[in-house]
């Protein structure tokens, strides 16, 4: 499941710096997550690296992009091929 950023986002840039997939993009007035790039850090870490650094707890699971661990691993592998 990809993550999403809620309207509580204060655009502090903390999450963007932590994202290994460059899935977090600047939007106005808050940031957004590209669900095609978000693997919840599968392939990099045991948990999403953006969640613990968010000072306002604005990152939540995206109910419109539910994916299994296997699907997230596949997405990670495809993103690695792009690099």
Protein backbone atom coordinates (compact mmCIF):
# COMPACT_ATOMS: atom_id res chain seq x y z
CA UNK A 1 0.00 0.00 0.00
CA UNK A 2 1.41 3.37 -0.91
CA UNK A 3 1.33 6.11 1.64
CA UNK A 4 -0.34 9.48 1.32
CA UNK A 5 0.20 12.85 2.93
CA UNK A 6 -2.74 14.52 4.64
CA UNK A 7 -3.61 18.20 4.71
CA UNK A 8 -1.85 18.49 8.06
CA UNK A 9 1.43 18.59 6.11
CA UNK A 10 3.48 21.71 6.87
CA UNK A 11 5.86 21.22 3.90
CA UNK A 12 8.89 21.00 6.18
CA UNK A 13 10.82 18.79 3.70
CA UNK A 14 11.75 16.17 6.32
CA UNK A 15 9.93 13.33 4.57
CA UNK A 16 11.24 14.25 1.12
CA UNK A 17 14.83 13.94 2.27
CA UNK A 18 14.16 10.47 3.70
CA UNK A 19 12.40 8.93 0.69
CA UNK A 20 14.76 6.56 -1.17
CA UNK A 21 12.42 6.40 -4.19
CA UNK A 22 11.92 10.13 -4.72
CA UNK A 23 8.20 9.48 -4.39
CA UNK A 24 7.44 12.64 -2.42
CA UNK A 25 6.79 15.72 -4.50
CA UNK A 26 6.25 19.36 -3.68
CA UNK A 27 2.67 20.46 -4.18
CA UNK A 28 0.86 23.53 -2.95
CA UNK A 29 0.11 23.89 -0.09
CA UNK A 30 1.44 20.50 1.07
CA UNK A 31 3.41 17.60 -0.35
CA UNK A 32 2.05 14.58 -2.20
CA UNK A 33 3.29 11.02 -2.68
CA UNK A 34 3.44 9.43 -6.12
CA UNK A 35 1.82 6.02 -5.52
CA UNK A 36 3.69 4.59 -8.50
CA UNK A 37 7.01 5.27 -6.74
CA UNK A 38 6.09 4.61 -3.10
CA UNK A 39 7.12 1.14 -1.92
CA UNK A 40 6.78 1.97 1.79
CA UNK A 41 10.57 1.53 1.76
CA UNK A 42 10.28 -2.19 0.93
CA UNK A 43 13.70 -3.10 -0.39
CA UNK A 44 15.39 -0.44 1.71
CA UNK A 45 14.12 -0.83 5.26
CA UNK A 46 11.64 -2.68 7.45
CA UNK A 47 9.30 0.30 7.68
CA UNK A 48 8.65 3.56 5.82
CA UNK A 49 11.40 6.04 6.59
CA UNK A 50 9.19 9.10 6.13
CA UNK A 51 6.69 8.37 8.92
CA UNK A 52 8.99 8.77 11.95
CA UNK A 53 10.47 12.06 10.73
CA UNK A 54 7.13 13.81 10.13
CA UNK A 55 6.63 16.35 12.93
CA UNK A 56 2.85 16.52 12.41
CA UNK A 57 2.02 12.84 11.68
CA UNK A 58 0.73 13.69 8.20
CA UNK A 59 1.66 10.37 6.55
CA UNK A 60 -0.94 7.62 6.48
CA UNK A 61 -1.73 4.53 4.38
CA UNK A 62 -3.45 5.43 1.12
CA UNK A 63 -6.77 3.55 1.00
CA UNK A 64 -6.88 4.02 -2.79
CA UNK A 65 -3.56 2.22 -3.33
CA UNK A 66 -3.65 -1.03 -1.39
CA UNK A 67 -0.76 -3.35 -2.28
CA UNK A 68 0.64 -6.55 -0.82
CA UNK A 69 4.26 -6.93 0.25
CA UNK A 70 4.86 -8.92 -2.93
CA UNK A 71 3.49 -6.09 -5.06
CA UNK A 72 5.65 -3.56 -3.20
CA UNK A 73 8.72 -5.76 -3.74
CA UNK A 74 7.93 -5.97 -7.44
CA UNK A 75 7.52 -2.20 -7.65
CA UNK A 76 10.87 -1.78 -5.85
CA UNK A 77 12.56 -4.11 -8.36
CA UNK A 78 11.07 -2.20 -11.30
CA UNK A 79 12.24 1.12 -9.86
CA UNK A 80 15.74 -0.30 -9.46
CA UNK A 81 15.81 -1.11 -13.18
CA UNK A 82 15.13 2.57 -13.96
CA UNK A 83 18.31 3.72 -12.22
